[in-house]
Protein backbone atom coordinates (compact mmCIF):
# COMPACT_ATOMS: atom_id res chain seq x y z
CA MET A 1 75.94 98.22 53.61
CA THR A 2 78.82 100.27 54.83
CA GLY A 3 78.00 103.75 55.88
CA SER A 4 79.95 106.14 57.93
CA VAL A 5 78.45 107.36 61.16
CA GLN A 6 78.65 111.10 61.58
CA PRO A 7 79.68 112.26 65.03
CA ASP A 8 77.16 114.21 67.06
CA PRO A 9 78.53 117.78 67.41
CA SER A 10 76.84 118.23 70.80
CA ARG A 11 78.97 115.41 72.22
CA PHE A 12 82.13 117.21 71.13
CA THR A 13 80.89 120.46 72.64
CA LEU A 14 80.29 118.74 75.96
CA HIS A 15 83.65 116.99 75.75
CA ARG A 16 85.38 120.23 74.81
CA SER A 17 83.80 122.11 77.71
CA TRP A 18 84.79 119.38 80.17
CA VAL A 19 88.37 119.35 78.93
CA LEU A 20 88.47 123.15 79.10
CA GLY A 21 87.08 123.17 82.66
CA VAL A 22 89.46 120.48 83.90
CA ALA A 23 92.44 122.17 82.24
CA ILE A 24 91.65 125.54 83.79
CA ALA A 25 91.05 123.94 87.20
CA ALA A 26 94.40 122.12 86.96
CA ILE A 27 96.24 125.33 86.10
CA VAL A 28 94.54 127.30 88.89
CA LEU A 29 95.19 124.59 91.49
CA GLY A 30 98.80 124.29 90.31
CA LEU A 31 99.32 128.03 90.65
CA ILE A 32 97.76 128.00 94.12
CA ALA A 33 100.11 125.16 95.13
CA LEU A 34 103.14 127.07 93.81
CA PHE A 35 102.31 130.51 95.17
CA PHE A 36 100.65 129.44 98.42
CA PRO A 37 102.42 126.24 99.51
CA ALA A 38 101.73 126.79 103.22
CA ALA A 39 97.99 127.20 102.56
CA SER A 40 98.08 124.11 100.34
CA LEU A 41 99.77 122.09 103.06
CA LEU A 42 97.31 123.40 105.63
CA THR A 43 94.45 122.31 103.37
CA ILE A 44 95.98 118.84 103.03
CA ALA A 45 96.35 118.62 106.81
CA ILE A 46 92.75 119.68 107.42
CA VAL A 47 91.41 117.25 104.82
CA PHE A 48 93.49 114.50 106.47
CA GLY A 49 91.96 115.39 109.85
CA ILE A 50 88.44 115.40 108.40
CA PHE A 51 89.11 112.02 106.78
CA LEU A 52 90.15 110.61 110.14
CA LEU A 53 87.07 112.14 111.77
CA VAL A 54 84.74 110.51 109.25
CA LEU A 55 86.60 107.20 109.47
CA GLY A 56 86.46 107.19 113.27
CA LEU A 57 82.76 108.01 113.33
CA PHE A 58 82.06 105.31 110.74
CA ARG A 59 83.93 102.70 112.78
CA LEU A 60 82.07 103.69 115.94
CA TRP A 61 78.75 103.52 114.11
CA LEU A 62 79.74 100.13 112.68
CA SER A 63 80.62 98.80 116.12
CA PHE A 64 77.10 99.59 117.37
CA SER A 65 75.10 98.72 114.25
CA ALA A 66 76.77 95.66 112.71
CA ARG A 67 74.84 92.84 114.34
CA ASP A 68 76.55 90.21 112.19
CA LEU A 69 79.99 90.96 113.68
CA ALA A 70 81.23 88.91 116.60
CA THR A 71 81.30 90.70 119.95
CA GLY A 72 85.09 90.85 120.01
CA ALA A 73 85.21 92.31 116.51
CA ARG A 74 82.62 94.91 117.46
CA TRP A 75 84.63 95.92 120.53
CA LEU A 76 87.83 96.10 118.49
CA THR A 77 86.08 98.17 115.80
CA GLY A 78 84.70 100.52 118.46
CA ILE A 79 88.03 100.96 120.21
CA LEU A 80 89.76 101.55 116.89
CA GLY A 81 87.07 104.08 115.97
CA ALA A 82 87.56 105.92 119.26
CA LEU A 83 91.35 106.00 118.76
CA ILE A 84 90.91 107.31 115.22
CA LEU A 85 88.56 110.00 116.56
CA VAL A 86 91.20 111.07 119.08
CA ALA A 87 93.76 111.22 116.25
CA ALA A 88 91.31 113.29 114.18
CA ILE A 89 90.80 115.76 117.03
CA LEU A 90 94.56 116.08 117.51
CA CYS A 91 95.09 116.57 113.77
CA LEU A 92 92.41 119.22 113.51
CA ALA A 93 93.64 120.98 116.67
CA ASP A 94 97.16 121.30 115.19
CA PRO A 95 97.05 120.74 111.42
CA PHE A 96 100.79 121.11 110.88
CA GLN A 97 101.41 118.39 113.46
CA SER A 98 99.14 116.15 111.39
CA LEU A 99 101.40 116.81 108.40
CA GLN A 100 104.24 115.26 110.36
CA VAL A 101 102.07 112.24 111.13
CA LEU A 102 101.06 111.98 107.47
CA GLY A 103 104.72 112.22 106.48
CA PHE A 104 105.75 109.52 108.95
CA VAL A 105 102.96 107.19 107.83
CA SER A 106 103.82 107.76 104.16
CA GLY A 107 107.52 107.23 104.83
CA PHE A 108 106.84 104.05 106.78
CA GLY A 109 104.66 102.76 103.94
CA TRP A 110 107.32 103.55 101.33
CA ILE A 111 109.97 101.74 103.33
CA PHE A 112 107.84 98.59 103.56
CA GLU A 113 106.80 98.87 99.91
CA GLY A 114 110.46 99.28 98.93
CA ALA A 115 111.50 96.28 101.01
CA ALA A 116 108.79 94.21 99.31
CA GLY A 117 110.01 95.40 95.90
CA VAL A 118 113.62 94.52 96.69
CA LEU A 119 112.61 91.11 98.02
CA GLY A 120 110.32 90.45 95.06
CA GLY A 121 113.00 91.41 92.56
CA TRP A 122 115.72 89.53 94.39
CA ARG A 123 113.68 86.32 94.49
CA GLY A 124 112.43 86.73 90.93
CA PHE A 125 108.72 87.06 91.77
CA VAL A 126 108.21 89.54 88.94
CA GLY A 127 108.38 89.13 85.21
CA GLY A 128 111.08 90.93 83.30
CA PRO A 129 114.46 92.00 84.54
CA ARG A 130 115.00 91.31 88.24
CA TRP A 131 117.11 94.42 88.80
CA LEU A 132 114.29 96.84 87.98
CA PRO A 133 112.11 96.17 91.06
CA VAL A 134 115.26 96.04 93.20
CA ILE A 135 116.27 99.55 92.08
CA ALA A 136 112.70 100.82 92.45
CA GLY A 137 112.58 99.28 95.93
CA VAL A 138 115.84 100.92 96.98
CA VAL A 139 114.59 104.30 95.70
CA SER A 140 111.35 103.78 97.65
CA ILE A 141 113.28 102.93 100.83
CA VAL A 142 115.47 106.03 100.47
CA ALA A 143 112.39 108.21 99.80
CA GLY A 144 110.70 106.69 102.85
CA ILE A 145 113.69 107.46 105.06
CA VAL A 146 113.82 111.05 103.78
CA MET A 147 110.08 111.36 104.37
CA MET A 148 110.46 110.15 107.95
CA ILE A 149 113.42 112.44 108.69
CA LEU A 150 111.94 115.58 107.08
CA PRO A 151 108.20 114.92 106.76
CA VAL A 152 106.98 118.51 106.33
CA ALA A 153 109.83 119.45 103.96
CA ALA A 154 109.15 116.35 101.86
CA LEU A 155 105.44 117.13 101.72
CA SER A 156 106.30 120.72 100.74
CA ALA A 157 108.41 119.39 97.89
CA PHE A 158 105.49 117.21 96.81
CA VAL A 159 103.19 120.22 96.80
CA THR A 160 105.64 122.15 94.62
CA VAL A 161 106.19 119.28 92.20
CA GLY A 162 102.46 118.53 92.19
CA GLY A 163 101.70 122.17 91.40
CA ILE A 164 104.11 122.14 88.47
CA ILE A 165 102.64 118.88 87.18
CA LEU A 166 99.10 120.28 87.43
CA ILE A 167 100.08 123.37 85.45
CA VAL A 168 101.83 121.30 82.76
CA LEU A 169 98.88 118.90 82.47
CA GLY A 170 96.45 121.81 82.25
CA VAL A 171 98.46 123.53 79.51
CA VAL A 172 98.83 120.27 77.57
CA ALA A 173 95.07 119.69 77.83
CA LEU A 174 94.45 123.19 76.49
CA LEU A 175 96.85 122.60 73.62
CA HIS A 176 95.02 119.38 72.73
CA LEU A 177 91.55 120.81 73.16
CA PRO A 178 89.20 119.13 70.66
CA ARG A 179 88.15 121.34 67.77
CA ARG A 180 84.49 122.15 67.40
């Protein structure tokens, strides 16, 4: 017996409302990023500081509560937690300084990721053409160097590009909104 299953209209209404909400949120956040880049960067810096605060507190709590960890590991976890807390306090005290730290860390990561890509492509550790990961690795290294030289400017460019992408994704979602 072959019968067609009729879709439940309430599921489409829920889906439609979610798509509509996400699309509008994307457009609004994109516009905020474009028209208020300094406030967007400040928000990123504060969220980064709060993340470090939570991470530091968690590591400190873990160092006191994790009875299954060896004593040395507990001490190391506690010291690392205290250092992360100090970094969090410094980031929250001067959020734009934390943007520089975030830029340096991102740049450093991109340089290492790029070096791994170049090495992996050069040695043939990846499937497909070997030149592709080499080029991607070189681009990542260059982006990492730029990020380390101009961390706040690079993050500002990311906010601008991210804002444009959010607006485009929101508009595309609205254009493809499911019909009722």
